[in-house]
Amino acid sequence: MTSQNIDRPPARRPAPIADRADHRARHVLDSRSARRVFAAVRLAIGWTFLWAFLDKLLGLGFATPADGAWAAGGSPTQGFLAEATAGPLAGFYQSFAGAAWADWLFMAGLLGIGLAFLLGVGMRIGAAAGTLMLVLMWSAVLPPENNPFMDDHLIMALTMVGLALINAGDTAGLGRRWAGLSLVRRYPALR
């Protein structure tokens, strides 16, 4: 061996295909365009939940008539749980249709999930609560009308979890500031 061979750094081998695919996937999540799309989906989901809260609270005439509004003495859970449930769990859901505790939990959930996704804060808790609410709504109408098991409730639940996992609240939201709070740094589940 000559000294030239000893001083030369070893030849670089290309990264394995799996590593390159992982790098590309991370690059896509880091791209500005992808972050904007994820932020738009987050905002759309947040607005969907907040709108449902406002409509049921005030009876804006979309899904809830004015005389059925919670503010007018109506029940936000009565109509769906008493009349729209079907399948093996219908009796269970019908048993608490219109109950005050169910109304309060449902409305608090709609408001909290909507605000979490609109503001981009507390998205892990919002995604967990939203997933629970959506799976319960899915199970209240089993089987789904157009598929043996899959419907938009499950798809939105999975989307919410994914958005929370990629910190979609950091783009067009307050997620970065929220994550910087000492309480949130101490308890990452609040992220």
N, C-alpha and C. Protein backbone atom coordinates (compact mmCIF):
# COMPACT_ATOMS: atom_id res chain seq x y z
N MET A 1 0.83 -1.18 0.00
CA MET A 1 0.00 0.00 0.00
C MET A 1 0.87 1.23 0.00
N THR A 2 0.41 2.18 -0.73
CA THR A 2 1.13 3.45 -0.76
C THR A 2 0.45 4.42 0.18
N SER A 3 1.11 5.50 0.47
CA SER A 3 0.52 6.49 1.38
C SER A 3 -0.69 7.16 0.75
N GLN A 4 -0.74 7.18 -0.58
CA GLN A 4 -1.90 7.77 -1.24
C GLN A 4 -3.18 6.99 -0.94
N ASN A 5 -3.10 5.68 -0.90
CA ASN A 5 -4.27 4.86 -0.61
C ASN A 5 -4.71 4.98 0.84
N ILE A 6 -3.78 5.17 1.75
CA ILE A 6 -4.12 5.27 3.17
C ILE A 6 -4.82 6.59 3.47
N ASP A 7 -4.38 7.67 2.83
CA ASP A 7 -4.94 8.99 3.11
C ASP A 7 -6.28 9.24 2.42
N ARG A 8 -6.61 8.48 1.46
CA ARG A 8 -7.85 8.69 0.72
C ARG A 8 -9.04 8.19 1.54
N PRO A 9 -10.12 9.03 1.66
CA PRO A 9 -11.29 8.56 2.41
C PRO A 9 -11.97 7.41 1.67
N PRO A 10 -12.64 6.56 2.42
CA PRO A 10 -13.31 5.43 1.75
C PRO A 10 -14.41 5.93 0.82
N ALA A 11 -14.65 5.18 -0.22
CA ALA A 11 -15.70 5.54 -1.18
C ALA A 11 -17.05 5.51 -0.48
N ARG A 12 -17.90 6.50 -0.80
CA ARG A 12 -19.24 6.56 -0.20
C ARG A 12 -20.17 5.64 -0.96
N ARG A 13 -20.88 4.84 -0.23
CA ARG A 13 -21.87 3.96 -0.83
C ARG A 13 -23.20 4.70 -0.85
N PRO A 14 -23.99 4.48 -1.89
CA PRO A 14 -25.32 5.11 -1.89
C PRO A 14 -26.16 4.58 -0.73
N ALA A 15 -27.02 5.42 -0.22
CA ALA A 15 -27.90 5.02 0.88
C ALA A 15 -28.84 3.92 0.39
N PRO A 16 -29.18 3.00 1.27
CA PRO A 16 -30.15 1.96 0.87
C PRO A 16 -31.47 2.61 0.41
N ILE A 17 -32.16 1.89 -0.43
CA ILE A 17 -33.41 2.42 -1.01
C ILE A 17 -34.39 2.81 0.09
N ALA A 18 -34.52 2.04 1.14
CA ALA A 18 -35.46 2.36 2.22
C ALA A 18 -35.11 3.70 2.85
N ASP A 19 -33.81 3.96 3.08
CA ASP A 19 -33.38 5.23 3.67
C ASP A 19 -33.71 6.40 2.74
N ARG A 20 -33.52 6.22 1.44
CA ARG A 20 -33.83 7.29 0.49
C ARG A 20 -35.32 7.57 0.46
N ALA A 21 -36.15 6.53 0.52
CA ALA A 21 -37.61 6.72 0.53
C ALA A 21 -38.04 7.45 1.80
N ASP A 22 -37.43 7.09 2.93
CA ASP A 22 -37.76 7.77 4.19
C ASP A 22 -37.36 9.24 4.12
N HIS A 23 -36.20 9.51 3.52
CA HIS A 23 -35.75 10.90 3.38
C HIS A 23 -36.72 11.69 2.49
N ARG A 24 -37.18 11.09 1.39
CA ARG A 24 -38.14 11.77 0.52
C ARG A 24 -39.45 12.03 1.24
N ALA A 25 -39.92 11.06 2.03
CA ALA A 25 -41.17 11.24 2.78
C ALA A 25 -41.03 12.38 3.77
N ARG A 26 -39.88 12.45 4.48
CA ARG A 26 -39.67 13.56 5.41
C ARG A 26 -39.59 14.87 4.67
N HIS A 27 -38.99 14.86 3.49
CA HIS A 27 -38.89 16.09 2.69
C HIS A 27 -40.27 16.59 2.27
N VAL A 28 -41.16 15.67 1.91
CA VAL A 28 -42.52 16.07 1.53
C VAL A 28 -43.22 16.74 2.70
N LEU A 29 -43.08 16.16 3.91
CA LEU A 29 -43.71 16.76 5.09
C LEU A 29 -43.10 18.11 5.42
N ASP A 30 -41.84 18.32 5.04
CA ASP A 30 -41.19 19.59 5.30
C ASP A 30 -41.48 20.62 4.22
N SER A 31 -42.08 20.22 3.12
CA SER A 31 -42.31 21.17 2.03
C SER A 31 -43.40 22.16 2.42
N ARG A 32 -43.23 23.36 2.01
CA ARG A 32 -44.17 24.44 2.31
C ARG A 32 -45.56 24.13 1.76
N SER A 33 -45.62 23.60 0.55
CA SER A 33 -46.92 23.29 -0.06
C SER A 33 -47.67 22.22 0.73
N ALA A 34 -47.00 21.17 1.13
CA ALA A 34 -47.65 20.11 1.91
C ALA A 34 -48.13 20.66 3.24
N ARG A 35 -47.31 21.45 3.91
CA ARG A 35 -47.72 22.03 5.20
C ARG A 35 -48.97 22.89 5.03
N ARG A 36 -49.05 23.62 3.93
CA ARG A 36 -50.22 24.46 3.69
C ARG A 36 -51.47 23.62 3.45
N VAL A 37 -51.33 22.55 2.71
CA VAL A 37 -52.47 21.66 2.48
C VAL A 37 -52.94 21.06 3.80
N PHE A 38 -51.99 20.58 4.62
CA PHE A 38 -52.36 20.01 5.91
C PHE A 38 -53.02 21.06 6.80
N ALA A 39 -52.54 22.30 6.75
CA ALA A 39 -53.16 23.38 7.53
C ALA A 39 -54.58 23.64 7.04
N ALA A 40 -54.78 23.61 5.74
CA ALA A 40 -56.13 23.83 5.20
C ALA A 40 -57.08 22.71 5.63
N VAL A 41 -56.61 21.47 5.63
CA VAL A 41 -57.44 20.35 6.08
C VAL A 41 -57.75 20.52 7.57
N ARG A 42 -56.75 20.91 8.36
CA ARG A 42 -56.96 21.14 9.79
C ARG A 42 -58.01 22.22 10.02
N LEU A 43 -57.90 23.32 9.30
CA LEU A 43 -58.86 24.41 9.45
C LEU A 43 -60.27 23.98 9.02
N ALA A 44 -60.35 23.19 7.96
CA ALA A 44 -61.66 22.70 7.50
C ALA A 44 -62.31 21.80 8.55
N ILE A 45 -61.53 20.93 9.15
CA ILE A 45 -62.07 20.05 10.20
C ILE A 45 -62.48 20.88 11.41
N GLY A 46 -61.64 21.83 11.79
CA GLY A 46 -61.98 22.69 12.92
C GLY A 46 -63.27 23.45 12.68
N TRP A 47 -63.42 23.99 11.48
CA TRP A 47 -64.64 24.74 11.15
C TRP A 47 -65.86 23.82 11.14
N THR A 48 -65.70 22.59 10.67
CA THR A 48 -66.81 21.64 10.65
C THR A 48 -67.34 21.40 12.07
N PHE A 49 -66.44 21.21 13.02
CA PHE A 49 -66.86 20.99 14.41
C PHE A 49 -67.43 22.26 15.03
N LEU A 50 -66.77 23.40 14.81
CA LEU A 50 -67.26 24.64 15.39
C LEU A 50 -68.61 25.02 14.80
N TRP A 51 -68.79 24.81 13.50
CA TRP A 51 -70.07 25.12 12.86
C TRP A 51 -71.19 24.26 13.44
N ALA A 52 -70.91 22.97 13.64
CA ALA A 52 -71.93 22.09 14.24
C ALA A 52 -72.30 22.60 15.63
N PHE A 53 -71.31 23.06 16.40
CA PHE A 53 -71.59 23.64 17.72
C PHE A 53 -72.50 24.86 17.59
N LEU A 54 -72.14 25.79 16.71
CA LEU A 54 -72.91 27.03 16.56
C LEU A 54 -74.33 26.75 16.06
N ASP A 55 -74.47 25.85 15.11
CA ASP A 55 -75.78 25.53 14.56
C ASP A 55 -76.68 24.90 15.62
N LYS A 56 -76.12 23.98 16.42
CA LYS A 56 -76.92 23.34 17.46
C LYS A 56 -77.19 24.29 18.62
N LEU A 57 -76.28 25.20 18.90
CA LEU A 57 -76.48 26.16 19.97
C LEU A 57 -77.55 27.20 19.61
N LEU A 58 -77.46 27.73 18.38
CA LEU A 58 -78.31 28.86 17.99
C LEU A 58 -79.44 28.50 17.04
N GLY A 59 -79.43 27.30 16.52
CA GLY A 59 -80.47 26.90 15.56
C GLY A 59 -80.43 27.76 14.31
N LEU A 60 -79.32 27.71 13.60
CA LEU A 60 -79.10 28.55 12.42
C LEU A 60 -79.85 28.06 11.19
N GLY A 61 -80.59 26.99 11.32
CA GLY A 61 -81.44 26.53 10.23
C GLY A 61 -80.78 25.60 9.25
N PHE A 62 -79.59 25.12 9.51
CA PHE A 62 -78.96 24.17 8.59
C PHE A 62 -79.34 22.76 9.03
N ALA A 63 -78.70 22.24 10.07
CA ALA A 63 -79.12 20.94 10.60
C ALA A 63 -80.09 21.11 11.76
N THR A 64 -80.11 22.29 12.35
CA THR A 64 -80.94 22.53 13.52
C THR A 64 -81.87 23.71 13.28
N PRO A 65 -83.18 23.50 13.36
CA PRO A 65 -84.11 24.63 13.22
C PRO A 65 -84.03 25.54 14.45
N ALA A 66 -84.43 26.78 14.29
CA ALA A 66 -84.35 27.77 15.37
C ALA A 66 -85.06 27.31 16.63
N ASP A 67 -86.21 26.67 16.47
CA ASP A 67 -86.95 26.25 17.67
C ASP A 67 -86.33 25.01 18.33
N GLY A 68 -85.37 24.37 17.69
CA GLY A 68 -84.69 23.21 18.27
C GLY A 68 -83.33 23.55 18.85
N ALA A 69 -82.95 24.83 18.81
CA ALA A 69 -81.64 25.24 19.30
C ALA A 69 -81.49 24.96 20.78
N TRP A 70 -80.27 24.69 21.18
CA TRP A 70 -79.98 24.45 22.59
C TRP A 70 -80.30 25.71 23.40
N ALA A 71 -79.98 26.88 22.83
CA ALA A 71 -80.26 28.15 23.50
C ALA A 71 -81.76 28.39 23.66
N ALA A 72 -82.58 27.75 22.85
CA ALA A 72 -84.04 27.90 22.93
C ALA A 72 -84.69 26.77 23.73
N GLY A 73 -83.86 25.97 24.40
CA GLY A 73 -84.38 24.89 25.22
C GLY A 73 -84.40 23.53 24.55
N GLY A 74 -83.92 23.45 23.31
CA GLY A 74 -83.87 22.17 22.60
C GLY A 74 -82.70 21.32 23.07
N SER A 75 -82.63 20.12 22.57
CA SER A 75 -81.56 19.19 22.91
C SER A 75 -80.72 18.90 21.68
N PRO A 76 -79.40 19.13 21.77
CA PRO A 76 -78.55 18.85 20.61
C PRO A 76 -78.39 17.36 20.30
N THR A 77 -78.72 16.49 21.25
CA THR A 77 -78.56 15.06 21.01
C THR A 77 -79.87 14.34 20.72
N GLN A 78 -80.99 14.94 21.04
CA GLN A 78 -82.29 14.28 20.94
C GLN A 78 -82.59 13.77 19.52
N GLY A 79 -82.51 14.63 18.54
CA GLY A 79 -82.90 14.25 17.18
C GLY A 79 -82.09 13.10 16.62
N PHE A 80 -80.77 13.21 16.68
CA PHE A 80 -79.92 12.17 16.11
C PHE A 80 -80.04 10.87 16.89
N LEU A 81 -79.88 10.94 18.21
CA LEU A 81 -79.87 9.71 19.00
C LEU A 81 -81.22 9.02 19.05
N ALA A 82 -82.29 9.78 19.05
CA ALA A 82 -83.62 9.17 19.15
C ALA A 82 -84.15 8.69 17.80
N GLU A 83 -83.78 9.36 16.71
CA GLU A 83 -84.40 9.08 15.42
C GLU A 83 -83.48 8.54 14.34
N ALA A 84 -82.20 8.85 14.40
CA ALA A 84 -81.31 8.46 13.30
C ALA A 84 -80.46 7.25 13.60
N THR A 85 -80.44 6.78 14.83
CA THR A 85 -79.61 5.63 15.15
C THR A 85 -80.21 4.36 14.55
N ALA A 86 -79.33 3.41 14.25
CA ALA A 86 -79.76 2.15 13.65
C ALA A 86 -78.74 1.08 13.99
N GLY A 87 -79.11 -0.14 13.80
CA GLY A 87 -78.17 -1.23 13.99
C GLY A 87 -78.15 -1.77 15.41
N PRO A 88 -77.13 -2.56 15.72
CA PRO A 88 -77.09 -3.28 16.99
C PRO A 88 -76.97 -2.40 18.23
N LEU A 89 -76.46 -1.17 18.10
CA LEU A 89 -76.29 -0.30 19.26
C LEU A 89 -77.35 0.79 19.35
N ALA A 90 -78.36 0.74 18.50
CA ALA A 90 -79.39 1.79 18.48
C ALA A 90 -80.08 1.95 19.82
N GLY A 91 -80.45 0.87 20.45
CA GLY A 91 -81.13 0.94 21.75
C GLY A 91 -80.28 1.60 22.81
N PHE A 92 -78.99 1.29 22.80
CA PHE A 92 -78.07 1.90 23.75
C PHE A 92 -78.06 3.42 23.59
N TYR A 93 -77.89 3.88 22.34
CA TYR A 93 -77.83 5.32 22.10
C TYR A 93 -79.18 6.00 22.36
N GLN A 94 -80.25 5.34 22.01
CA GLN A 94 -81.58 5.92 22.24
C GLN A 94 -81.89 6.07 23.73
N SER A 95 -81.25 5.27 24.56
CA SER A 95 -81.52 5.32 26.00
C SER A 95 -81.08 6.62 26.65
N PHE A 96 -80.15 7.33 26.06
CA PHE A 96 -79.74 8.60 26.66
C PHE A 96 -79.93 9.80 25.72
N ALA A 97 -80.75 9.63 24.71
CA ALA A 97 -81.08 10.75 23.81
C ALA A 97 -81.73 11.87 24.62
N GLY A 98 -81.20 13.06 24.49
CA GLY A 98 -81.76 14.22 25.17
C GLY A 98 -81.36 14.37 26.62
N ALA A 99 -80.56 13.47 27.16
CA ALA A 99 -80.10 13.59 28.55
C ALA A 99 -79.20 14.81 28.68
N ALA A 100 -79.34 15.55 29.78
CA ALA A 100 -78.56 16.77 29.97
C ALA A 100 -77.05 16.50 29.93
N TRP A 101 -76.61 15.41 30.55
CA TRP A 101 -75.18 15.11 30.55
C TRP A 101 -74.67 14.84 29.14
N ALA A 102 -75.48 14.16 28.33
CA ALA A 102 -75.08 13.88 26.94
C ALA A 102 -75.03 15.17 26.13
N ASP A 103 -76.01 16.05 26.34
CA ASP A 103 -76.01 17.34 25.64
C ASP A 103 -74.77 18.15 25.98
N TRP A 104 -74.45 18.26 27.27
CA TRP A 104 -73.29 19.04 27.70
C TRP A 104 -71.98 18.44 27.16
N LEU A 105 -71.82 17.13 27.26
CA LEU A 105 -70.60 16.49 26.75
C LEU A 105 -70.46 16.69 25.24
N PHE A 106 -71.55 16.50 24.53
CA PHE A 106 -71.53 16.63 23.07
C PHE A 106 -71.17 18.06 22.67
N MET A 107 -71.81 19.04 23.28
CA MET A 107 -71.55 20.43 22.92
C MET A 107 -70.14 20.88 23.34
N ALA A 108 -69.70 20.45 24.52
CA ALA A 108 -68.33 20.77 24.95
C ALA A 108 -67.32 20.15 24.00
N GLY A 109 -67.60 18.93 23.56
CA GLY A 109 -66.71 18.27 22.60
C GLY A 109 -66.65 19.00 21.28
N LEU A 110 -67.81 19.36 20.73
CA LEU A 110 -67.83 20.09 19.46
C LEU A 110 -67.04 21.39 19.56
N LEU A 111 -67.27 22.15 20.63
CA LEU A 111 -66.59 23.43 20.81
C LEU A 111 -65.09 23.24 21.00
N GLY A 112 -64.71 22.34 21.90
CA GLY A 112 -63.29 22.12 22.18
C GLY A 112 -62.51 21.60 20.98
N ILE A 113 -63.08 20.64 20.29
CA ILE A 113 -62.40 20.07 19.11
C ILE A 113 -62.31 21.13 18.02
N GLY A 114 -63.40 21.87 17.81
CA GLY A 114 -63.39 22.91 16.79
C GLY A 114 -62.33 23.96 17.07
N LEU A 115 -62.26 24.44 18.30
CA LEU A 115 -61.27 25.47 18.65
C LEU A 115 -59.84 24.92 18.58
N ALA A 116 -59.64 23.70 19.06
CA ALA A 116 -58.30 23.11 19.01
C ALA A 116 -57.78 23.05 17.57
N PHE A 117 -58.63 22.62 16.65
CA PHE A 117 -58.17 22.48 15.26
C PHE A 117 -58.11 23.83 14.55
N LEU A 118 -59.01 24.74 14.86
CA LEU A 118 -58.92 26.06 14.23
C LEU A 118 -57.69 26.83 14.70
N LEU A 119 -57.40 26.76 15.98
CA LEU A 119 -56.27 27.50 16.53
C LEU A 119 -54.95 26.75 16.39
N GLY A 120 -55.01 25.44 16.24
CA GLY A 120 -53.79 24.64 16.12
C GLY A 120 -53.14 24.36 17.46
N VAL A 121 -53.90 24.42 18.55
CA VAL A 121 -53.38 24.17 19.89
C VAL A 121 -54.13 22.99 20.51
N GLY A 122 -53.43 22.24 21.37
CA GLY A 122 -54.08 21.11 22.01
C GLY A 122 -54.61 20.09 21.03
N MET A 123 -53.92 19.96 19.90
CA MET A 123 -54.45 19.10 18.84
C MET A 123 -54.42 17.62 19.20
N ARG A 124 -53.50 17.20 20.06
CA ARG A 124 -53.48 15.77 20.44
C ARG A 124 -54.72 15.42 21.23
N ILE A 125 -55.09 16.29 22.17
CA ILE A 125 -56.31 16.06 22.94
C ILE A 125 -57.52 16.22 22.03
N GLY A 126 -57.50 17.25 21.17
CA GLY A 126 -58.60 17.46 20.23
C GLY A 126 -58.77 16.28 19.29
N ALA A 127 -57.67 15.73 18.82
CA ALA A 127 -57.74 14.58 17.91
C ALA A 127 -58.26 13.34 18.64
N ALA A 128 -57.84 13.14 19.89
CA ALA A 128 -58.33 12.00 20.67
C ALA A 128 -59.83 12.14 20.93
N ALA A 129 -60.25 13.34 21.35
CA ALA A 129 -61.68 13.56 21.61
C ALA A 129 -62.49 13.47 20.32
N GLY A 130 -61.97 14.04 19.23
CA GLY A 130 -62.66 13.98 17.95
C GLY A 130 -62.78 12.56 17.44
N THR A 131 -61.71 11.79 17.59
CA THR A 131 -61.75 10.39 17.17
C THR A 131 -62.79 9.62 17.97
N LEU A 132 -62.82 9.82 19.28
CA LEU A 132 -63.82 9.16 20.11
C LEU A 132 -65.23 9.54 19.67
N MET A 133 -65.47 10.85 19.49
CA MET A 133 -66.80 11.30 19.09
C MET A 133 -67.20 10.72 17.73
N LEU A 134 -66.28 10.73 16.78
CA LEU A 134 -66.59 10.24 15.45
C LEU A 134 -66.82 8.73 15.43
N VAL A 135 -66.04 7.99 16.20
CA VAL A 135 -66.24 6.53 16.27
C VAL A 135 -67.58 6.21 16.94
N LEU A 136 -67.95 6.98 17.96
CA LEU A 136 -69.26 6.78 18.58
C LEU A 136 -70.39 7.08 17.58
N MET A 137 -70.25 8.15 16.82
CA MET A 137 -71.27 8.48 15.81
C MET A 137 -71.33 7.40 14.74
N TRP A 138 -70.17 6.88 14.35
CA TRP A 138 -70.11 5.80 13.37
C TRP A 138 -70.85 4.56 13.91
N SER A 139 -70.60 4.25 15.18
CA SER A 139 -71.19 3.04 15.75
C SER A 139 -72.69 3.19 15.99
N ALA A 140 -73.19 4.41 15.98
CA ALA A 140 -74.62 4.64 16.19
C ALA A 140 -75.45 4.33 14.96
N VAL A 141 -74.82 4.15 13.82
CA VAL A 141 -75.57 3.88 12.58
C VAL A 141 -75.02 2.66 11.84
N LEU A 142 -74.57 1.67 12.59
CA LEU A 142 -74.00 0.48 11.97
C LEU A 142 -75.08 -0.36 11.29
N PRO A 143 -74.79 -0.99 10.19
CA PRO A 143 -73.62 -0.77 9.35
C PRO A 143 -73.80 0.50 8.52
N PRO A 144 -72.68 1.08 8.07
CA PRO A 144 -72.80 2.26 7.23
C PRO A 144 -73.63 1.97 5.98
N GLU A 145 -74.19 2.99 5.43
CA GLU A 145 -75.13 2.85 4.32
C GLU A 145 -74.49 2.33 3.04
N ASN A 146 -73.27 2.76 2.73
CA ASN A 146 -72.69 2.45 1.42
C ASN A 146 -71.45 1.56 1.46
N ASN A 147 -71.12 0.99 2.61
CA ASN A 147 -69.91 0.20 2.73
C ASN A 147 -70.09 -0.74 3.92
N PRO A 148 -69.47 -1.91 3.91
CA PRO A 148 -69.65 -2.82 5.04
C PRO A 148 -69.20 -2.24 6.38
N PHE A 149 -68.15 -1.39 6.39
CA PHE A 149 -67.69 -0.84 7.67
C PHE A 149 -67.13 0.57 7.56
N MET A 150 -66.61 0.98 6.43
CA MET A 150 -65.91 2.26 6.30
C MET A 150 -66.89 3.37 5.93
N ASP A 151 -66.72 4.53 6.58
CA ASP A 151 -67.47 5.71 6.17
C ASP A 151 -66.66 6.97 6.51
N ASP A 152 -67.26 8.12 6.24
CA ASP A 152 -66.54 9.38 6.42
C ASP A 152 -66.18 9.66 7.88
N HIS A 153 -66.90 9.11 8.83
CA HIS A 153 -66.54 9.31 10.24
C HIS A 153 -65.16 8.72 10.54
N LEU A 154 -64.92 7.52 10.08
CA LEU A 154 -63.63 6.87 10.32
C LEU A 154 -62.51 7.55 9.55
N ILE A 155 -62.79 7.98 8.34
CA ILE A 155 -61.76 8.66 7.55
C ILE A 155 -61.37 9.98 8.22
N MET A 156 -62.35 10.75 8.70
CA MET A 156 -62.04 12.00 9.38
C MET A 156 -61.29 11.74 10.68
N ALA A 157 -61.64 10.69 11.41
CA ALA A 157 -60.94 10.36 12.65
C ALA A 157 -59.47 10.07 12.37
N LEU A 158 -59.19 9.27 11.36
CA LEU A 158 -57.81 8.97 11.01
C LEU A 158 -57.06 10.22 10.56
N THR A 159 -57.73 11.07 9.82
CA THR A 159 -57.12 12.32 9.37
C THR A 159 -56.76 13.21 10.55
N MET A 160 -57.66 13.29 11.52
CA MET A 160 -57.39 14.11 12.70
C MET A 160 -56.16 13.61 13.46
N VAL A 161 -56.06 12.31 13.63
CA VAL A 161 -54.90 11.74 14.31
C VAL A 161 -53.62 12.07 13.53
N GLY A 162 -53.66 11.90 12.21
CA GLY A 162 -52.49 12.21 11.39
C GLY A 162 -52.09 13.67 11.49
N LEU A 163 -53.05 14.57 11.45
CA LEU A 163 -52.74 16.00 11.56
C LEU A 163 -52.11 16.33 12.90
N ALA A 164 -52.58 15.71 13.96
CA ALA A 164 -51.98 15.95 15.28
C ALA A 164 -50.56 15.42 15.32
N LEU A 165 -50.32 14.25 14.72
CA LEU A 165 -48.99 13.65 14.75
C LEU A 165 -47.95 14.44 13.98
N ILE A 166 -48.35 15.14 12.93
CA ILE A 166 -47.38 15.92 12.16
C ILE A 166 -47.35 17.38 12.60
N ASN A 167 -48.01 17.69 13.70
CA ASN A 167 -48.04 19.05 14.23
C ASN A 167 -48.54 20.05 13.20
N ALA A 168 -49.67 19.74 12.60
CA ALA A 168 -50.24 20.61 11.57
C ALA A 168 -50.66 21.96 12.12
N GLY A 169 -50.78 22.09 13.42
CA GLY A 169 -51.13 23.37 14.02
C GLY A 169 -50.02 24.39 13.97
N ASP A 170 -48.80 23.97 13.60
CA ASP A 170 -47.67 24.89 13.50
C ASP A 170 -47.79 25.81 12.29
N THR A 171 -48.51 25.39 11.27
CA THR A 171 -48.69 26.19 10.05
C THR A 171 -50.06 26.84 10.10
N ALA A 172 -50.10 28.15 9.96
CA ALA A 172 -51.35 28.92 10.00
C ALA A 172 -52.11 28.66 11.29
N GLY A 173 -51.38 28.50 12.36
CA GLY A 173 -51.98 28.28 13.67
C GLY A 173 -51.03 28.70 14.77
N LEU A 174 -51.43 28.49 15.98
CA LEU A 174 -50.64 28.89 17.15
C LEU A 174 -49.85 27.72 17.75
N GLY A 175 -49.69 26.65 16.98
CA GLY A 175 -49.05 25.44 17.48
C GLY A 175 -47.64 25.63 17.99
N ARG A 176 -46.81 26.39 17.30
CA ARG A 176 -45.42 26.59 17.74
C ARG A 176 -45.38 27.34 19.07
N ARG A 177 -46.16 28.40 19.16
CA ARG A 177 -46.20 29.15 20.42
C ARG A 177 -46.72 28.28 21.55
N TRP A 178 -47.78 27.54 21.27
CA TRP A 178 -48.36 26.64 22.26
C TRP A 178 -47.32 25.63 22.73
N ALA A 179 -46.57 25.05 21.79
CA ALA A 179 -45.56 24.04 22.13
C ALA A 179 -44.45 24.63 22.98
N GLY A 180 -44.22 25.93 22.88
CA GLY A 180 -43.17 26.57 23.66
C GLY A 180 -43.54 26.86 25.11
N LEU A 181 -44.80 26.74 25.47
CA LEU A 181 -45.21 26.97 26.85
C LEU A 181 -44.61 25.91 27.76
N SER A 182 -44.18 26.31 28.95
CA SER A 182 -43.52 25.36 29.86
C SER A 182 -44.44 24.19 30.23
N LEU A 183 -45.72 24.45 30.42
CA LEU A 183 -46.67 23.38 30.76
C LEU A 183 -46.75 22.35 29.62
N VAL A 184 -46.78 22.84 28.39
CA VAL A 184 -46.87 21.94 27.24
C VAL A 184 -45.56 21.19 27.05
N ARG A 185 -44.43 21.84 27.30
CA ARG A 185 -43.14 21.15 27.21
C ARG A 185 -43.05 20.05 28.28
N ARG A 186 -43.63 20.32 29.46
CA ARG A 186 -43.60 19.34 30.54
C ARG A 186 -44.55 18.18 30.26
N TYR A 187 -45.71 18.48 29.65
CA TYR A 187 -46.71 17.46 29.35
C TYR A 187 -47.00 17.47 27.85
N PRO A 188 -46.18 16.74 27.07
CA PRO A 188 -46.33 16.77 25.60
C PRO A 188 -47.70 16.33 25.08
N ALA A 189 -48.47 15.62 25.89
CA ALA A 189 -49.82 15.22 25.44
C ALA A 189 -50.69 16.44 25.19
N LEU A 190 -50.34 17.57 25.78
CA LEU A 190 -51.10 18.81 25.57
C LEU A 190 -50.80 19.45 24.23
N ARG A 191 -49.79 19.00 23.54
CA ARG A 191 -49.35 19.58 22.26
C ARG A 191 -50.49 19.54 21.29
